[in-house]
Amino acid sequence: MKKVIFICMAIFMTAGIAFAQQNAVIAADNATYDFGQIKEADGNVTHTFEIKNDGGQPLVITRVIASCGCTTPEWPKEPIAAGQKGTIKITFDPKYRPGPFTKSIAVYSNGKTGSFILTIRGEVI
């Protein structure tokens, strides 16, 4: 009887792993970018994050929300196919923001429950 229960558990676990691999999975090699020191007088700075879909289904980004109005995200509106890459462009406005900064960008998609967090940081001089 114990063998039958063990075999059934192994089958369910294997099926669960296979099902999870079929879903979209959002990932990034680098989820944080450091601008270093930037001059307020030079204006906006931009970084483009490369994201990828490590899952088996298309990745759909539904919304991207920055932690501050000084940070503007742009993201693909089309699904990202399984195994493919896309980009999320982040623009930071340093005007009237001297000193160190750290901003979070929440990426909502079908690839993760909750949000996937990207981060920018630096220092405005």
PDB file of N, CA and C in Angstrom:
ATOM      1  N   MET A   1       0.817  -1.198   0.000  1.00  0.00           N
ATOM      2  CA  MET A   1       0.000   0.000   0.000  1.00  0.00           C
ATOM      3  C   MET A   1       0.862   1.265   0.000  1.00  0.00           C
ATOM      4  N   LYS A   2       1.940   1.242   0.772  1.00  0.00           N
ATOM      5  CA  LYS A   2       2.834   2.398   0.824  1.00  0.00           C
ATOM      6  C   LYS A   2       3.461   2.649  -0.540  1.00  0.00           C
ATOM      7  N   LYS A   3       3.769   1.562  -1.269  1.00  0.00           N
ATOM      8  CA  LYS A   3       4.359   1.709  -2.597  1.00  0.00           C
ATOM      9  C   LYS A   3       3.374   2.366  -3.556  1.00  0.00           C
ATOM     10  N   VAL A   4       2.113   2.006  -3.466  1.00  0.00           N
ATOM     11  CA  VAL A   4       1.091   2.575  -4.332  1.00  0.00           C
ATOM     12  C   VAL A   4       0.941   4.075  -4.047  1.00  0.00           C
ATOM     13  N   ILE A   5       0.917   4.451  -2.779  1.00  0.00           N
ATOM     14  CA  ILE A   5       0.807   5.863  -2.411  1.00  0.00           C
ATOM     15  C   ILE A   5       2.032   6.621  -2.902  1.00  0.00           C
ATOM     16  N   PHE A   6       3.217   6.060  -2.728  1.00  0.00           N
ATOM     17  CA  PHE A   6       4.448   6.705  -3.187  1.00  0.00           C
ATOM     18  C   PHE A   6       4.443   6.908  -4.703  1.00  0.00           C
ATOM     19  N   ILE A   7       4.012   5.897  -5.434  1.00  0.00           N
ATOM     20  CA  ILE A   7       3.966   5.999  -6.900  1.00  0.00           C
ATOM     21  C   ILE A   7       2.956   7.070  -7.326  1.00  0.00           C
ATOM     22  N   CYS A   8       1.799   7.104  -6.688  1.00  0.00           N
ATOM     23  CA  CYS A   8       0.793   8.121  -7.010  1.00  0.00           C
ATOM     24  C   CYS A   8       1.325   9.524  -6.725  1.00  0.00           C
ATOM     25  N   MET A   9       2.017   9.698  -5.617  1.00  0.00           N
ATOM     26  CA  MET A   9       2.582  11.010  -5.282  1.00  0.00           C
ATOM     27  C   MET A   9       3.629  11.414  -6.316  1.00  0.00           C
ATOM     28  N   ALA A  10       4.459  10.478  -6.742  1.00  0.00           N
ATOM     29  CA  ALA A  10       5.485  10.781  -7.740  1.00  0.00           C
ATOM     30  C   ALA A  10       4.853  11.195  -9.063  1.00  0.00           C
ATOM     31  N   ILE A  11       3.776  10.548  -9.453  1.00  0.00           N
ATOM     32  CA  ILE A  11       3.087  10.883 -10.700  1.00  0.00           C
ATOM     33  C   ILE A  11       2.501  12.293 -10.601  1.00  0.00           C
ATOM     34  N   PHE A  12       1.837  12.621  -9.489  1.00  0.00           N
ATOM     35  CA  PHE A  12       1.257  13.950  -9.323  1.00  0.00           C
ATOM     36  C   PHE A  12       2.329  15.040  -9.307  1.00  0.00           C
ATOM     37  N   MET A  13       3.443  14.774  -8.661  1.00  0.00           N
ATOM     38  CA  MET A  13       4.520  15.770  -8.615  1.00  0.00           C
ATOM     39  C   MET A  13       5.106  15.994 -10.004  1.00  0.00           C
ATOM     40  N   THR A  14       5.305  14.931 -10.762  1.00  0.00           N
ATOM     41  CA  THR A  14       5.841  15.052 -12.117  1.00  0.00           C
ATOM     42  C   THR A  14       4.869  15.818 -13.011  1.00  0.00           C
ATOM     43  N   ALA A  15       3.593  15.531 -12.882  1.00  0.00           N
ATOM     44  CA  ALA A  15       2.584  16.237 -13.680  1.00  0.00           C
ATOM     45  C   ALA A  15       2.547  17.716 -13.297  1.00  0.00           C
ATOM     46  N   GLY A  16       2.693  18.024 -12.009  1.00  0.00           N
ATOM     47  CA  GLY A  16       2.703  19.419 -11.568  1.00  0.00           C
ATOM     48  C   GLY A  16       3.892  20.177 -12.116  1.00  0.00           C
ATOM     49  N   ILE A  17       5.059  19.553 -12.145  1.00  0.00           N
ATOM     50  CA  ILE A  17       6.258  20.189 -12.698  1.00  0.00           C
ATOM     51  C   ILE A  17       6.078  20.416 -14.194  1.00  0.00           C
ATOM     52  N   ALA A  18       5.553  19.458 -14.901  1.00  0.00           N
ATOM     53  CA  ALA A  18       5.334  19.599 -16.344  1.00  0.00           C
ATOM     54  C   ALA A  18       4.336  20.706 -16.628  1.00  0.00           C
ATOM     55  N   PHE A  19       3.273  20.801 -15.815  1.00  0.00           N
ATOM     56  CA  PHE A  19       2.278  21.863 -16.006  1.00  0.00           C
ATOM     57  C   PHE A  19       2.901  23.232 -15.766  1.00  0.00           C
ATOM     58  N   ALA A  20       3.719  23.358 -14.723  1.00  0.00           N
ATOM     59  CA  ALA A  20       4.358  24.643 -14.420  1.00  0.00           C
ATOM     60  C   ALA A  20       5.286  25.080 -15.545  1.00  0.00           C
ATOM     61  N   GLN A  21       5.956  24.153 -16.192  1.00  0.00           N
ATOM     62  CA  GLN A  21       6.869  24.498 -17.268  1.00  0.00           C
ATOM     63  C   GLN A  21       6.120  24.949 -18.522  1.00  0.00           C
ATOM     64  N   GLN A  22       4.838  24.641 -18.627  1.00  0.00           N
ATOM     65  CA  GLN A  22       4.065  25.045 -19.791  1.00  0.00           C
ATOM     66  C   GLN A  22       3.604  26.493 -19.685  1.00  0.00           C
ATOM     67  N   ASN A  23       3.605  27.073 -18.505  1.00  0.00           N
ATOM     68  CA  ASN A  23       3.166  28.453 -18.323  1.00  0.00           C
ATOM     69  C   ASN A  23       4.242  29.434 -18.773  1.00  0.00           C
ATOM     70  N   ALA A  24       3.865  30.694 -18.932  1.00  0.00           N
ATOM     71  CA  ALA A  24       4.838  31.755 -19.205  1.00  0.00           C
ATOM     72  C   ALA A  24       5.643  32.008 -17.936  1.00  0.00           C
ATOM     73  N   VAL A  25       6.919  32.326 -18.102  1.00  0.00           N
ATOM     74  CA  VAL A  25       7.794  32.611 -16.965  1.00  0.00           C
ATOM     75  C   VAL A  25       8.627  33.846 -17.308  1.00  0.00           C
ATOM     76  N   ILE A  26       8.431  34.937 -16.568  1.00  0.00           N
ATOM     77  CA  ILE A  26       9.189  36.160 -16.818  1.00  0.00           C
ATOM     78  C   ILE A  26      10.515  36.096 -16.063  1.00  0.00           C
ATOM     79  N   ALA A  27      11.587  36.505 -16.736  1.00  0.00           N
ATOM     80  CA  ALA A  27      12.916  36.474 -16.132  1.00  0.00           C
ATOM     81  C   ALA A  27      13.768  37.589 -16.726  1.00  0.00           C
ATOM     82  N   ALA A  28      14.839  37.935 -16.027  1.00  0.00           N
ATOM     83  CA  ALA A  28      15.811  38.921 -16.518  1.00  0.00           C
ATOM     84  C   ALA A  28      17.163  38.547 -15.947  1.00  0.00           C
ATOM     85  N   ASP A  29      18.209  38.640 -16.777  1.00  0.00           N
ATOM     86  CA  ASP A  29      19.554  38.364 -16.284  1.00  0.00           C
ATOM     87  C   ASP A  29      19.976  39.430 -15.276  1.00  0.00           C
ATOM     88  N   ASN A  30      19.591  40.669 -15.530  1.00  0.00           N
ATOM     89  CA  ASN A  30      19.907  41.783 -14.637  1.00  0.00           C
ATOM     90  C   ASN A  30      18.637  42.566 -14.358  1.00  0.00           C
ATOM     91  N   ALA A  31      18.121  42.465 -13.140  1.00  0.00           N
ATOM     92  CA  ALA A  31      16.896  43.160 -12.775  1.00  0.00           C
ATOM     93  C   ALA A  31      17.175  44.490 -12.080  1.00  0.00           C
ATOM     94  N   THR A  32      18.453  44.851 -11.952  1.00  0.00           N
ATOM     95  CA  THR A  32      18.843  46.115 -11.322  1.00  0.00           C
ATOM     96  C   THR A  32      19.843  46.817 -12.217  1.00  0.00           C
ATOM     97  N   TYR A  33      19.682  48.144 -12.346  1.00  0.00           N
ATOM     98  CA  TYR A  33      20.640  48.933 -13.120  1.00  0.00           C
ATOM     99  C   TYR A  33      21.063  50.145 -12.297  1.00  0.00           C
ATOM    100  N   ASP A  34      22.367  50.388 -12.246  1.00  0.00           N
ATOM    101  CA  ASP A  34      22.922  51.524 -11.518  1.00  0.00           C
ATOM    102  C   ASP A  34      23.423  52.558 -12.517  1.00  0.00           C
ATOM    103  N   PHE A  35      22.799  53.732 -12.532  1.00  0.00           N
ATOM    104  CA  PHE A  35      23.227  54.810 -13.413  1.00  0.00           C
ATOM    105  C   PHE A  35      24.527  55.456 -12.941  1.00  0.00           C
ATOM    106  N   GLY A  36      24.902  55.211 -11.693  1.00  0.00           N
ATOM    107  CA  GLY A  36      26.062  55.891 -11.132  1.00  0.00           C
ATOM    108  C   GLY A  36      25.693  57.347 -10.870  1.00  0.00           C
ATOM    109  N   GLN A  37      26.662  58.239 -11.002  1.00  0.00           N
ATOM    110  CA  GLN A  37      26.384  59.661 -10.815  1.00  0.00           C
ATOM    111  C   GLN A  37      25.906  60.270 -12.125  1.00  0.00           C
ATOM    112  N   ILE A  38      24.780  60.978 -12.047  1.00  0.00           N
ATOM    113  CA  ILE A  38      24.247  61.673 -13.224  1.00  0.00           C
ATOM    114  C   ILE A  38      24.048  63.135 -12.869  1.00  0.00           C
ATOM    115  N   LYS A  39      24.186  63.989 -13.848  1.00  0.00           N
ATOM    116  CA  LYS A  39      24.013  65.427 -13.619  1.00  0.00           C
ATOM    117  C   LYS A  39      22.560  65.815 -13.875  1.00  0.00           C
ATOM    118  N   GLU A  40      22.005  66.537 -12.921  1.00  0.00           N
ATOM    119  CA  GLU A  40      20.628  67.014 -13.055  1.00  0.00           C
ATOM    120  C   GLU A  40      20.470  67.846 -14.322  1.00  0.00           C
ATOM    121  N   ALA A  41      21.470  68.654 -14.637  1.00  0.00           N
ATOM    122  CA  ALA A  41      21.411  69.553 -15.795  1.00  0.00           C
ATOM    123  C   ALA A  41      21.405  68.806 -17.128  1.00  0.00           C
ATOM    124  N   ASP A  42      21.857  67.549 -17.139  1.00  0.00           N
ATOM    125  CA  ASP A  42      21.897  66.774 -18.384  1.00  0.00           C
ATOM    126  C   ASP A  42      20.534  66.212 -18.779  1.00  0.00           C
ATOM    127  N   GLY A  43      19.563  66.284 -17.890  1.00  0.00           N
ATOM    128  CA  GLY A  43      18.210  65.832 -18.220  1.00  0.00           C
ATOM    129  C   GLY A  43      17.989  64.338 -18.012  1.00  0.00           C
ATOM    130  N   ASN A  44      16.954  63.840 -18.653  1.00  0.00           N
ATOM    131  CA  ASN A  44      16.518  62.454 -18.476  1.00  0.00           C
ATOM    132  C   ASN A  44      17.599  61.442 -18.840  1.00  0.00           C
ATOM    133  N   VAL A  45      17.574  60.318 -18.117  1.00  0.00           N
ATOM    134  CA  VAL A  45      18.440  59.176 -18.434  1.00  0.00           C
ATOM    135  C   VAL A  45      17.546  57.963 -18.664  1.00  0.00           C
ATOM    136  N   THR A  46      18.015  57.060 -19.493  1.00  0.00           N
ATOM    137  CA  THR A  46      17.203  55.907 -19.876  1.00  0.00           C
ATOM    138  C   THR A  46      18.031  54.626 -19.801  1.00  0.00           C
ATOM    139  N   HIS A  47      17.370  53.565 -19.379  1.00  0.00           N
ATOM    140  CA  HIS A  47      17.972  52.230 -19.436  1.00  0.00           C
ATOM    141  C   HIS A  47      16.916  51.266 -19.977  1.00  0.00           C
ATOM    142  N   THR A  48      17.358  50.334 -20.794  1.00  0.00           N
ATOM    143  CA  THR A  48      16.457  49.320 -21.343  1.00  0.00           C
ATOM    144  C   THR A  48      16.814  47.970 -20.746  1.00  0.00           C
ATOM    145  N   PHE A  49      15.864  47.399 -20.008  1.00  0.00           N
ATOM    146  CA  PHE A  49      16.031  46.065 -19.431  1.00  0.00           C
ATOM    147  C   PHE A  49      15.631  45.029 -20.470  1.00  0.00           C
ATOM    148  N   GLU A  50      16.390  43.972 -20.575  1.00  0.00           N
ATOM    149  CA  GLU A  50      16.020  42.859 -21.442  1.00  0.00           C
ATOM    150  C   GLU A  50      15.370  41.792 -20.575  1.00  0.00           C
ATOM    151  N   ILE A  51      14.144  41.444 -20.930  1.00  0.00           N
ATOM    152  CA  ILE A  51      13.435  40.384 -20.217  1.00  0.00           C
ATOM    153  C   ILE A  51      13.269  39.209 -21.162  1.00  0.00           C
ATOM    154  N   LYS A  52      13.028  38.054 -20.592  1.00  0.00           N
ATOM    155  CA  LYS A  52      12.828  36.872 -21.432  1.00  0.00           C
ATOM    156  C   LYS A  52      11.692  36.025 -20.876  1.00  0.00           C
ATOM    157  N   ASN A  53      11.150  35.227 -21.761  1.00  0.00           N
ATOM    158  CA  ASN A  53      10.088  34.303 -21.403  1.00  0.00           C
ATOM    159  C   ASN A  53      10.711  32.921 -21.325  1.00  0.00           C
ATOM    160  N   ASP A  54      10.960  32.454 -20.119  1.00  0.00           N
ATOM    161  CA  ASP A  54      11.555  31.135 -19.913  1.00  0.00           C
ATOM    162  C   ASP A  54      10.516  30.023 -19.832  1.00  0.00           C
ATOM    163  N   GLY A  55       9.258  30.342 -20.093  1.00  0.00           N
ATOM    164  CA  GLY A  55       8.192  29.351 -20.010  1.00  0.00           C
ATOM    165  C   GLY A  55       7.820  28.776 -21.360  1.00  0.00           C
ATOM    166  N   GLY A  56       6.726  28.027 -21.368  1.00  0.00           N
ATOM    167  CA  GLY A  56       6.273  27.360 -22.572  1.00  0.00           C
ATOM    168  C   GLY A  56       5.094  28.017 -23.266  1.00  0.00           C
ATOM    169  N   GLN A  57       4.542  29.080 -22.676  1.00  0.00           N
ATOM    170  CA  GLN A  57       3.407  29.792 -23.248  1.00  0.00           C
ATOM    171  C   GLN A  57       3.798  31.256 -23.469  1.00  0.00           C
ATOM    172  N   PRO A  58       3.080  31.984 -24.329  1.00  0.00           N
ATOM    173  CA  PRO A  58       3.386  33.403 -24.543  1.00  0.00           C
ATOM    174  C   PRO A  58       3.268  34.209 -23.242  1.00  0.00           C
ATOM    175  N   LEU A  59       4.201  35.144 -23.075  1.00  0.00           N
ATOM    176  CA  LEU A  59       4.225  36.028 -21.918  1.00  0.00           C
ATOM    177  C   LEU A  59       3.506  37.321 -22.288  1.00  0.00           C
ATOM    178  N   VAL A  60       2.493  37.690 -21.507  1.00  0.00           N
ATOM    179  CA  VAL A  60       1.738  38.906 -21.753  1.00  0.00           C
ATOM    180  C   VAL A  60       1.962  39.848 -20.575  1.00  0.00           C
ATOM    181  N   ILE A  61       2.585  40.997 -20.842  1.00  0.00           N
ATOM    182  CA  ILE A  61       2.774  42.009 -19.810  1.00  0.00           C
ATOM    183  C   ILE A  61       1.515  42.868 -19.795  1.00  0.00           C
ATOM    184  N   THR A  62       0.823  42.884 -18.670  1.00  0.00           N
ATOM    185  CA  THR A  62      -0.447  43.588 -18.581  1.00  0.00           C
ATOM    186  C   THR A  62      -0.293  45.036 -18.145  1.00  0.00           C
ATOM    187  N   ARG A  63       0.689  45.305 -17.288  1.00  0.00           N
ATOM    188  CA  ARG A  63       0.946  46.680 -16.856  1.00  0.00           C
ATOM    189  C   ARG A  63       2.315  46.752 -16.199  1.00  0.00           C
ATOM    190  N   VAL A  64       2.864  47.965 -16.206  1.00  0.00           N
ATOM    191  CA  VAL A  64       4.151  48.241 -15.574  1.00  0.00           C
ATOM    192  C   VAL A  64       3.979  49.532 -14.793  1.00  0.00           C
ATOM    193  N   ILE A  65       4.279  49.488 -13.504  1.00  0.00           N
ATOM    194  CA  ILE A  65       4.055  50.636 -12.631  1.00  0.00           C
ATOM    195  C   ILE A  65       5.359  51.012 -11.931  1.00  0.00           C
ATOM    196  N   ALA A  66       5.747  52.273 -12.079  1.00  0.00           N
ATOM    197  CA  ALA A  66       6.933  52.794 -11.409  1.00  0.00           C
ATOM    198  C   ALA A  66       6.553  53.318 -10.028  1.00  0.00           C
ATOM    199  N   SER A  67       7.510  53.281  -9.106  1.00  0.00           N
ATOM    200  CA  SER A  67       7.249  53.709  -7.730  1.00  0.00           C
ATOM    201  C   SER A  67       7.170  55.227  -7.583  1.00  0.00           C
ATOM    202  N   CYS A  68       7.479  55.958  -8.652  1.00  0.00           N
ATOM    203  CA  CYS A  68       7.518  57.422  -8.576  1.00  0.00           C
ATOM    204  C   CYS A  68       7.141  58.002  -9.933  1.00  0.00           C
ATOM    205  N   GLY A  69       6.527  59.171  -9.929  1.00  0.00           N
ATOM    206  CA  GLY A  69       6.163  59.835 -11.177  1.00  0.00           C
ATOM    207  C   GLY A  69       7.358  60.312 -11.971  1.00  0.00           C
ATOM    208  N   CYS A  70       8.535  60.310 -11.367  1.00  0.00           N
ATOM    209  CA  CYS A  70       9.760  60.720 -12.058  1.00  0.00           C
ATOM    210  C   CYS A  70      10.307  59.612 -12.955  1.00  0.00           C
ATOM    211  N   THR A  71       9.687  58.456 -12.906  1.00  0.00           N
ATOM    212  CA  THR A  71      10.155  57.286 -13.649  1.00  0.00           C
ATOM    213  C   THR A  71       9.051  56.826 -14.593  1.00  0.00           C
ATOM    214  N   THR A  72       9.395  56.725 -15.890  1.00  0.00           N
ATOM    215  CA  THR A  72       8.397  56.368 -16.899  1.00  0.00           C
ATOM    216  C   THR A  72       8.785  55.062 -17.589  1.00  0.00           C
ATOM    217  N   PRO A  73       7.914  54.054 -17.523  1.00  0.00           N
ATOM    218  CA  PRO A  73       8.203  52.786 -18.203  1.00  0.00           C
ATOM    219  C   PRO A  73       7.530  52.701 -19.577  1.00  0.00           C
ATOM    220  N   GLU A  74       8.173  51.984 -20.485  1.00  0.00           N
ATOM    221  CA  GLU A  74       7.583  51.613 -21.778  1.00  0.00           C
ATOM    222  C   GLU A  74       7.805  50.116 -21.933  1.00  0.00           C
ATOM    223  N   TRP A  75       6.778  49.385 -22.377  1.00  0.00           N
ATOM    224  CA  TRP A  75       6.883  47.937 -22.476  1.00  0.00           C
ATOM    225  C   TRP A  75       6.155  47.435 -23.714  1.00  0.00           C
ATOM    226  N   PRO A  76       6.466  46.213 -24.145  1.00  0.00           N
ATOM    227  CA  PRO A  76       5.813  45.665 -25.343  1.00  0.00           C
ATOM    228  C   PRO A  76       4.354  45.327 -25.062  1.00  0.00           C
ATOM    229  N   LYS A  77       3.506  45.687 -25.978  1.00  0.00           N
ATOM    230  CA  LYS A  77       2.078  45.391 -25.833  1.00  0.00           C
ATOM    231  C   LYS A  77       1.732  44.034 -26.459  1.00  0.00           C
ATOM    232  N   GLU A  78       2.636  43.517 -27.305  1.00  0.00           N
ATOM    233  CA  GLU A  78       2.418  42.215 -27.932  1.00  0.00           C
ATOM    234  C   GLU A  78       2.981  41.120 -27.024  1.00  0.00           C
ATOM    235  N   PRO A  79       2.403  39.923 -27.068  1.00  0.00           N
ATOM    236  CA  PRO A  79       2.948  38.815 -26.273  1.00  0.00           C
ATOM    237  C   PRO A  79       4.380  38.480 -26.703  1.00  0.00           C
ATOM    238  N   ILE A  80       5.162  38.022 -25.740  1.00  0.00           N
ATOM    239  CA  ILE A  80       6.523  37.564 -25.998  1.00  0.00           C
ATOM    240  C   ILE A  80       6.460  36.042 -26.049  1.00  0.00           C
ATOM    241  N   ALA A  81       6.818  35.479 -27.182  1.00  0.00           N
ATOM    242  CA  ALA A  81       6.712  34.035 -27.391  1.00  0.00           C
ATOM    243  C   ALA A  81       7.636  33.274 -26.436  1.00  0.00           C
ATOM    244  N   ALA A  82       7.310  32.014 -26.220  1.00  0.00           N
ATOM    245  CA  ALA A  82       8.136  31.155 -25.366  1.00  0.00           C
ATOM    246  C   ALA A  82       9.564  31.123 -25.890  1.00  0.00           C
ATOM    247  N   GLY A  83      10.517  31.327 -24.978  1.00  0.00           N
ATOM    248  CA  GLY A  83      11.924  31.304 -25.345  1.00  0.00           C
ATOM    249  C   GLY A  83      12.445  32.585 -25.969  1.00  0.00           C
ATOM    250  N   GLN A  84      11.586  33.586 -26.163  1.00  0.00           N
ATOM    251  CA  GLN A  84      11.991  34.830 -26.812  1.00  0.00           C
ATOM    252  C   GLN A  84      12.243  35.938 -25.781  1.00  0.00           C
ATOM    253  N   LYS A  85      12.786  37.058 -26.273  1.00  0.00           N
ATOM    254  CA  LYS A  85      13.121  38.182 -25.406  1.00  0.00           C
ATOM    255  C   LYS A  85      12.333  39.426 -25.806  1.00  0.00           C
ATOM    256  N   GLY A  86      12.200  40.333 -24.855  1.00  0.00           N
ATOM    257  CA  GLY A  86      11.571  41.623 -25.075  1.00  0.00           C
ATOM    258  C   GLY A  86      12.306  42.658 -24.241  1.00  0.00           C
ATOM    259  N   THR A  87      11.879  43.899 -24.332  1.00  0.00           N
ATOM    260  CA  THR A  87      12.543  44.956 -23.578  1.00  0.00           C
ATOM    261  C   THR A  87      11.536  45.813 -22.832  1.00  0.00           C
ATOM    262  N   ILE A  88      11.992  46.345 -21.709  1.00  0.00           N
ATOM    263  CA  ILE A  88      11.240  47.329 -20.947  1.00  0.00           C
ATOM    264  C   ILE A  88      12.166  48.520 -20.777  1.00  0.00           C
ATOM    265  N   LYS A  89      11.741  49.650 -21.334  1.00  0.00           N
ATOM    266  CA  LYS A  89      12.546  50.873 -21.310  1.00  0.00           C
ATOM    267  C   LYS A  89      12.100  51.742 -20.135  1.00  0.00           C
ATOM    268  N   ILE A  90      13.066  52.171 -19.313  1.00  0.00           N
ATOM    269  CA  ILE A  90      12.789  52.983 -18.144  1.00  0.00           C
ATOM    270  C   ILE A  90      13.495  54.327 -18.303  1.00  0.00           C
ATOM    271  N   THR A  91      12.740  55.417 -18.159  1.00  0.00           N
ATOM    272  CA  THR A  91      13.301  56.768 -18.234  1.00  0.00           C
ATOM    273  C   THR A  91      13.126  57.443 -16.879  1.00  0.00           C
ATOM    274  N   PHE A  92      14.228  57.987 -16.364  1.00  0.00           N
ATOM    275  CA  PHE A  92      14.233  58.677 -15.079  1.00  0.00           C
ATOM    276  C   PHE A  92      14.503  60.157 -15.302  1.00  0.00           C
ATOM    277  N   ASP A  93      13.675  61.013 -14.689  1.00  0.00           N
ATOM    278  CA  ASP A  93      13.839  62.467 -14.779  1.00  0.00           C
ATOM    279  C   ASP A  93      14.488  62.956 -13.477  1.00  0.00           C
ATOM    280  N   PRO A  94      15.746  63.415 -13.525  1.00  0.00           N
ATOM    281  CA  PRO A  94      16.447  63.828 -12.304  1.00  0.00           C
ATOM    282  C   PRO A  94      16.153  65.261 -11.856  1.00  0.00           C
ATOM    283  N   LYS A  95      15.328  65.970 -12.603  1.00  0.00           N
ATOM    284  CA  LYS A  95      15.074  67.379 -12.297  1.00  0.00           C
ATOM    285  C   LYS A  95      14.503  67.542 -10.882  1.00  0.00           C
ATOM    286  N   TYR A  96      15.153  68.400 -10.082  1.00  0.00           N
ATOM    287  CA  TYR A  96      14.766  68.697  -8.701  1.00  0.00           C
ATOM    288  C   TYR A  96      14.857  67.477  -7.777  1.00  0.00           C
ATOM    289  N   ARG A  97      15.743  66.547  -8.084  1.00  0.00           N
ATOM    290  CA  ARG A  97      15.883  65.334  -7.260  1.00  0.00           C
ATOM    291  C   ARG A  97      17.352  65.065  -6.914  1.00  0.00           C
ATOM    292  N   PRO A  98      18.042  66.025  -6.268  1.00  0.00           N
ATOM    293  CA  PRO A  98      19.447  65.796  -5.953  1.00  0.00           C
ATOM    294  C   PRO A  98      19.613  64.698  -4.902  1.00  0.00           C
ATOM    295  N   GLY A  99      20.743  64.006  -4.995  1.00  0.00           N
ATOM    296  CA  GLY A  99      21.055  62.965  -4.020  1.00  0.00           C
ATOM    297  C   GLY A  99      20.839  61.573  -4.572  1.00  0.00           C
ATOM    298  N   PRO A 100      21.068  60.575  -3.721  1.00  0.00           N
ATOM    299  CA  PRO A 100      20.900  59.179  -4.152  1.00  0.00           C
ATOM    300  C   PRO A 100      19.428  58.853  -4.408  1.00  0.00           C
ATOM    301  N   PHE A 101      19.200  57.930  -5.331  1.00  0.00           N
ATOM    302  CA  PHE A 101      17.834  57.475  -5.603  1.00  0.00           C
ATOM    303  C   PHE A 101      17.820  55.978  -5.875  1.00  0.00           C
ATOM    304  N   THR A 102      16.715  55.358  -5.524  1.00  0.00           N
ATOM    305  CA  THR A 102      16.420  53.965  -5.855  1.00  0.00           C
ATOM    306  C   THR A 102      14.943  53.912  -6.202  1.00  0.00           C
ATOM    307  N   LYS A 103      14.630  53.447  -7.400  1.00  0.00           N
ATOM    308  CA  LYS A 103      13.244  53.373  -7.859  1.00  0.00           C
ATOM    309  C   LYS A 103      12.917  51.943  -8.265  1.00  0.00           C
ATOM    310  N   SER A 104      11.734  51.498  -7.854  1.00  0.00           N
ATOM    311  CA  SER A 104      11.259  50.160  -8.202  1.00  0.00           C
ATOM    312  C   SER A 104      10.243  50.260  -9.325  1.00  0.00           C
ATOM    313  N   ILE A 105      10.280  49.284 -10.204  1.00  0.00           N
ATOM    314  CA  ILE A 105       9.325  49.201 -11.302  1.00  0.00           C
ATOM    315  C   ILE A 105       8.682  47.817 -11.221  1.00  0.00           C
ATOM    316  N   ALA A 106       7.375  47.782 -10.988  1.00  0.00           N
ATOM    317  CA  ALA A 106       6.640  46.525 -10.863  1.00  0.00           C
ATOM    318  C   ALA A 106       6.083  46.123 -12.225  1.00  0.00           C
ATOM    319  N   VAL A 107       6.424  44.915 -12.666  1.00  0.00           N
ATOM    320  CA  VAL A 107       5.968  44.391 -13.952  1.00  0.00           C
ATOM    321  C   VAL A 107       4.938  43.303 -13.675  1.00  0.00           C
ATOM    322  N   TYR A 108       3.715  43.530 -14.128  1.00  0.00           N
ATOM    323  CA  TYR A 108       2.636  42.560 -13.948  1.00  0.00           C
ATOM    324  C   TYR A 108       2.409  41.820 -15.257  1.00  0.00           C
ATOM    325  N   SER A 109       2.313  40.490 -15.151  1.00  0.00           N
ATOM    326  CA  SER A 109       2.151  39.668 -16.349  1.00  0.00           C
ATOM    327  C   SER A 109       1.482  38.347 -15.974  1.00  0.00           C
ATOM    328  N   ASN A 110       1.278  37.536 -17.002  1.00  0.00           N
ATOM    329  CA  ASN A 110       0.766  36.184 -16.763  1.00  0.00           C
ATOM    330  C   ASN A 110       1.905  35.236 -16.393  1.00  0.00           C
ATOM    331  N   GLY A 111       3.119  35.763 -16.264  1.00  0.00           N
ATOM    332  CA  GLY A 111       4.288  34.930 -15.976  1.00  0.00           C
ATOM    333  C   GLY A 111       4.648  34.823 -14.516  1.00  0.00           C
ATOM    334  N   LYS A 112       3.918  35.506 -13.649  1.00  0.00           N
ATOM    335  CA  LYS A 112       4.226  35.444 -12.222  1.00  0.00           C
ATOM    336  C   LYS A 112       3.032  35.974 -11.445  1.00  0.00           C
ATOM    337  N   THR A 113       2.717  35.319 -10.345  1.00  0.00           N
ATOM    338  CA  THR A 113       1.690  35.838  -9.460  1.00  0.00           C
ATOM    339  C   THR A 113       2.279  37.042  -8.748  1.00  0.00           C
ATOM    340  N   GLY A 114       1.555  38.137  -8.701  1.00  0.00           N
ATOM    341  CA  GLY A 114       2.110  39.358  -8.130  1.00  0.00           C
ATOM    342  C   GLY A 114       2.919  40.074  -9.184  1.00  0.00           C
ATOM    343  N   SER A 115       4.012  40.684  -8.774  1.00  0.00           N
ATOM    344  CA  SER A 115       4.798  41.448  -9.738  1.00  0.00           C
ATOM    345  C   SER A 115       6.248  40.979  -9.776  1.00  0.00           C
ATOM    346  N   PHE A 116       6.884  41.244 -10.893  1.00  0.00           N
ATOM    347  CA  PHE A 116       8.309  41.026 -11.103  1.00  0.00           C
ATOM    348  C   PHE A 116       8.934  42.410 -10.961  1.00  0.00           C
ATOM    349  N   ILE A 117       9.930  42.562 -10.113  1.00  0.00           N
ATOM    350  CA  ILE A 117      10.470  43.881  -9.788  1.00  0.00           C
ATOM    351  C   ILE A 117      11.781  44.160 -10.518  1.00  0.00           C
ATOM    352  N   LEU A 118      11.805  45.314 -11.198  1.00  0.00           N
ATOM    353  CA  LEU A 118      13.026  45.865 -11.768  1.00  0.00           C
ATOM    354  C   LEU A 118      13.411  47.065 -10.902  1.00  0.00           C
ATOM    355  N   THR A 119      14.695  47.373 -10.819  1.00  0.00           N
ATOM    356  CA  THR A 119      15.157  48.471  -9.972  1.00  0.00           C
ATOM    357  C   THR A 119      16.203  49.303 -10.698  1.00  0.00           C
ATOM    358  N   ILE A 120      16.070  50.639 -10.566  1.00  0.00           N
ATOM    359  CA  ILE A 120      17.117  51.537 -11.030  1.00  0.00           C
ATOM    360  C   ILE A 120      17.621  52.310  -9.822  1.00  0.00           C
ATOM    361  N   ARG A 121      18.881  52.707  -9.880  1.00  0.00           N
ATOM    362  CA  ARG A 121      19.457  53.491  -8.792  1.00  0.00           C
ATOM    363  C   ARG A 121      20.545  54.393  -9.324  1.00  0.00           C
ATOM    364  N   GLY A 122      20.986  55.288  -8.502  1.00  0.00           N
ATOM    365  CA  GLY A 122      22.065  56.188  -8.884  1.00  0.00           C
ATOM    366  C   GLY A 122      22.117  57.357  -7.934  1.00  0.00           C
ATOM    367  N   GLU A 123      22.818  58.398  -8.370  1.00  0.00           N
ATOM    368  CA  GLU A 123      22.930  59.612  -7.564  1.00  0.00           C
ATOM    369  C   GLU A 123      22.884  60.819  -8.492  1.00  0.00           C
ATOM    370  N   VAL A 124      21.974  61.735  -8.188  1.00  0.00           N
ATOM    371  CA  VAL A 124      21.847  62.964  -8.967  1.00  0.00           C
ATOM    372  C   VAL A 124      22.760  64.015  -8.340  1.00  0.00           C
ATOM    373  N   ILE A 125      23.645  64.588  -9.177  1.00  0.00           N
ATOM    374  CA  ILE A 125      24.557  65.621  -8.669  1.00  0.00           C
ATOM    375  C   ILE A 125      24.305  66.945  -9.388  1.00  0.00           C
TER     376      ILE A 125
END
